[in-house]
Amino acid sequence: MQWHSVGEFFAMGGYAFYVWGSVGACAAAMLIEPWLLRRRHRRVLRSLRQRRDGGAARGQGVAMEGTR
């Protein structure tokens, strides 16, 4: 497809809303997914540290599944 102006390019032959909406949704997912994964990873690490430190402070170790 050939466009004769920048306006025609961004209009995408009448499909601009679908095309640019899809591009935007994909870009948003690519930015949000790593952020959510990093946040979840930090939360899990914090939870594991609290379990480890809380159990050790009371004199009770946290038993991992299959260790007893």
N, C-alpha and C. Protein backbone atom coordinates (compact mmCIF):
# COMPACT_ATOMS: atom_id res chain seq x y z
N MET A 1 0.85 -1.17 0.00
CA MET A 1 0.00 0.00 0.00
C MET A 1 0.89 1.23 0.00
N GLN A 2 0.54 2.22 -0.77
CA GLN A 2 1.30 3.45 -0.84
C GLN A 2 0.50 4.59 -0.24
N TRP A 3 1.16 5.44 0.50
CA TRP A 3 0.53 6.62 1.06
C TRP A 3 1.19 7.84 0.45
N HIS A 4 0.40 8.85 0.20
CA HIS A 4 0.91 10.07 -0.42
C HIS A 4 1.17 11.17 0.59
N SER A 5 0.81 10.92 1.84
CA SER A 5 1.08 11.91 2.89
C SER A 5 1.14 11.19 4.23
N VAL A 6 1.65 11.92 5.18
CA VAL A 6 1.74 11.38 6.54
C VAL A 6 0.34 11.15 7.10
N GLY A 7 -0.59 12.02 6.78
CA GLY A 7 -1.97 11.88 7.23
C GLY A 7 -2.61 10.59 6.74
N GLU A 8 -2.34 10.26 5.47
CA GLU A 8 -2.86 9.00 4.92
C GLU A 8 -2.24 7.80 5.62
N PHE A 9 -0.95 7.91 5.94
CA PHE A 9 -0.28 6.81 6.64
C PHE A 9 -0.94 6.57 7.99
N PHE A 10 -1.14 7.63 8.75
CA PHE A 10 -1.73 7.47 10.08
C PHE A 10 -3.22 7.10 10.01
N ALA A 11 -3.89 7.42 8.91
CA ALA A 11 -5.29 7.03 8.75
C ALA A 11 -5.41 5.55 8.41
N MET A 12 -4.35 4.96 7.87
CA MET A 12 -4.29 3.53 7.54
C MET A 12 -5.48 3.06 6.70
N GLY A 13 -5.84 3.86 5.73
CA GLY A 13 -6.91 3.44 4.82
C GLY A 13 -8.25 3.24 5.50
N GLY A 14 -8.49 3.96 6.57
CA GLY A 14 -9.76 3.84 7.27
C GLY A 14 -9.73 2.87 8.45
N TYR A 15 -8.62 2.19 8.63
CA TYR A 15 -8.49 1.21 9.72
C TYR A 15 -7.60 1.71 10.86
N ALA A 16 -7.41 3.02 10.93
CA ALA A 16 -6.48 3.59 11.91
C ALA A 16 -6.82 3.21 13.35
N PHE A 17 -8.09 3.27 13.70
CA PHE A 17 -8.47 2.96 15.09
C PHE A 17 -8.06 1.53 15.45
N TYR A 18 -8.34 0.58 14.57
CA TYR A 18 -7.99 -0.82 14.82
C TYR A 18 -6.47 -1.01 14.84
N VAL A 19 -5.77 -0.45 13.84
CA VAL A 19 -4.33 -0.64 13.72
C VAL A 19 -3.61 0.00 14.89
N TRP A 20 -3.85 1.28 15.14
CA TRP A 20 -3.12 1.97 16.20
C TRP A 20 -3.59 1.52 17.59
N GLY A 21 -4.82 1.12 17.70
CA GLY A 21 -5.28 0.54 18.97
C GLY A 21 -4.55 -0.76 19.29
N SER A 22 -4.35 -1.58 18.26
CA SER A 22 -3.62 -2.84 18.44
C SER A 22 -2.16 -2.59 18.78
N VAL A 23 -1.56 -1.63 18.10
CA VAL A 23 -0.16 -1.28 18.39
C VAL A 23 -0.05 -0.78 19.82
N GLY A 24 -0.98 0.07 20.23
CA GLY A 24 -0.96 0.60 21.60
C GLY A 24 -1.16 -0.48 22.65
N ALA A 25 -2.10 -1.39 22.40
CA ALA A 25 -2.35 -2.47 23.36
C ALA A 25 -1.13 -3.38 23.49
N CYS A 26 -0.50 -3.67 22.38
CA CYS A 26 0.69 -4.52 22.40
C CYS A 26 1.83 -3.82 23.15
N ALA A 27 2.04 -2.54 22.87
CA ALA A 27 3.10 -1.78 23.55
C ALA A 27 2.82 -1.72 25.05
N ALA A 28 1.57 -1.50 25.43
CA ALA A 28 1.22 -1.44 26.85
C ALA A 28 1.50 -2.77 27.54
N ALA A 29 1.12 -3.87 26.88
CA ALA A 29 1.37 -5.19 27.46
C ALA A 29 2.86 -5.46 27.61
N MET A 30 3.64 -5.04 26.63
CA MET A 30 5.08 -5.27 26.69
C MET A 30 5.74 -4.44 27.78
N LEU A 31 5.16 -3.32 28.15
CA LEU A 31 5.69 -2.50 29.24
C LEU A 31 5.18 -2.95 30.60
N ILE A 32 3.92 -3.31 30.68
CA ILE A 32 3.30 -3.66 31.97
C ILE A 32 3.73 -5.03 32.46
N GLU A 33 3.85 -6.00 31.56
CA GLU A 33 4.17 -7.38 31.97
C GLU A 33 5.48 -7.49 32.77
N PRO A 34 6.61 -6.94 32.28
CA PRO A 34 7.84 -7.04 33.08
C PRO A 34 7.72 -6.33 34.43
N TRP A 35 6.99 -5.21 34.45
CA TRP A 35 6.81 -4.48 35.70
C TRP A 35 6.03 -5.33 36.70
N LEU A 36 4.96 -5.98 36.24
CA LEU A 36 4.18 -6.84 37.14
C LEU A 36 4.98 -8.04 37.61
N LEU A 37 5.77 -8.63 36.72
CA LEU A 37 6.60 -9.78 37.12
C LEU A 37 7.63 -9.38 38.16
N ARG A 38 8.27 -8.23 37.97
CA ARG A 38 9.27 -7.76 38.93
C ARG A 38 8.63 -7.49 40.28
N ARG A 39 7.43 -6.88 40.26
CA ARG A 39 6.72 -6.59 41.50
C ARG A 39 6.35 -7.88 42.24
N ARG A 40 5.87 -8.87 41.48
CA ARG A 40 5.50 -10.15 42.10
C ARG A 40 6.73 -10.86 42.66
N HIS A 41 7.82 -10.81 41.94
CA HIS A 41 9.06 -11.45 42.39
C HIS A 41 9.52 -10.84 43.71
N ARG A 42 9.50 -9.52 43.79
CA ARG A 42 9.90 -8.84 45.03
C ARG A 42 8.98 -9.21 46.18
N ARG A 43 7.68 -9.31 45.90
CA ARG A 43 6.71 -9.66 46.93
C ARG A 43 6.96 -11.07 47.46
N VAL A 44 7.25 -12.02 46.57
CA VAL A 44 7.54 -13.40 46.98
C VAL A 44 8.81 -13.45 47.80
N LEU A 45 9.86 -12.75 47.35
CA LEU A 45 11.11 -12.74 48.12
C LEU A 45 10.89 -12.15 49.51
N ARG A 46 10.13 -11.07 49.59
CA ARG A 46 9.85 -10.44 50.89
C ARG A 46 9.09 -11.41 51.79
N SER A 47 8.13 -12.13 51.23
CA SER A 47 7.35 -13.09 51.99
C SER A 47 8.24 -14.23 52.50
N LEU A 48 9.12 -14.72 51.65
CA LEU A 48 10.02 -15.79 52.06
C LEU A 48 10.98 -15.34 53.16
N ARG A 49 11.48 -14.09 53.03
CA ARG A 49 12.37 -13.56 54.07
C ARG A 49 11.63 -13.43 55.41
N GLN A 50 10.38 -12.97 55.34
CA GLN A 50 9.60 -12.82 56.57
C GLN A 50 9.34 -14.17 57.21
N ARG A 51 9.04 -15.17 56.42
CA ARG A 51 8.84 -16.52 56.96
C ARG A 51 10.11 -17.03 57.61
N ARG A 52 11.23 -16.86 56.90
CA ARG A 52 12.50 -17.34 57.42
C ARG A 52 12.87 -16.60 58.71
N ASP A 53 12.79 -15.30 58.70
CA ASP A 53 13.19 -14.51 59.87
C ASP A 53 12.20 -14.65 61.02
N GLY A 54 10.93 -14.72 60.73
CA GLY A 54 9.92 -14.87 61.77
C GLY A 54 10.02 -16.21 62.46
N GLY A 55 10.25 -17.26 61.70
CA GLY A 55 10.37 -18.60 62.28
C GLY A 55 11.65 -18.75 63.09
N ALA A 56 12.72 -18.16 62.65
CA ALA A 56 14.00 -18.26 63.36
C ALA A 56 13.95 -17.46 64.66
N ALA A 57 13.21 -16.34 64.68
CA ALA A 57 13.13 -15.51 65.88
C ALA A 57 12.39 -16.24 67.00
N ARG A 58 11.45 -17.10 66.66
CA ARG A 58 10.69 -17.83 67.67
C ARG A 58 11.32 -19.18 67.98
N GLY A 59 12.42 -19.47 67.31
CA GLY A 59 13.05 -20.75 67.54
C GLY A 59 12.43 -21.88 66.73
N GLN A 60 11.63 -21.53 65.77
CA GLN A 60 10.97 -22.52 64.93
C GLN A 60 11.41 -22.31 63.49
N GLY A 61 11.94 -23.32 62.91
CA GLY A 61 12.30 -23.23 61.51
C GLY A 61 11.08 -23.51 60.64
N VAL A 62 11.05 -22.94 59.51
CA VAL A 62 9.96 -23.18 58.58
C VAL A 62 10.29 -24.43 57.79
N ALA A 63 9.46 -25.41 57.92
CA ALA A 63 9.71 -26.69 57.23
C ALA A 63 9.28 -26.57 55.79
N MET A 64 10.17 -26.94 54.92
CA MET A 64 9.83 -26.97 53.51
C MET A 64 9.11 -28.27 53.23
N GLU A 65 8.29 -28.27 52.24
CA GLU A 65 7.53 -29.46 51.90
C GLU A 65 8.48 -30.60 51.56
N GLY A 66 8.28 -31.74 52.16
CA GLY A 66 9.10 -32.90 51.88
C GLY A 66 10.34 -33.02 52.73
N THR A 67 10.57 -32.07 53.68
CA THR A 67 11.78 -32.16 54.52
C THR A 67 11.53 -32.86 55.83
N ARG A 68 10.29 -33.07 56.22
CA ARG A 68 10.02 -33.72 57.50
C ARG A 68 9.52 -35.10 57.30
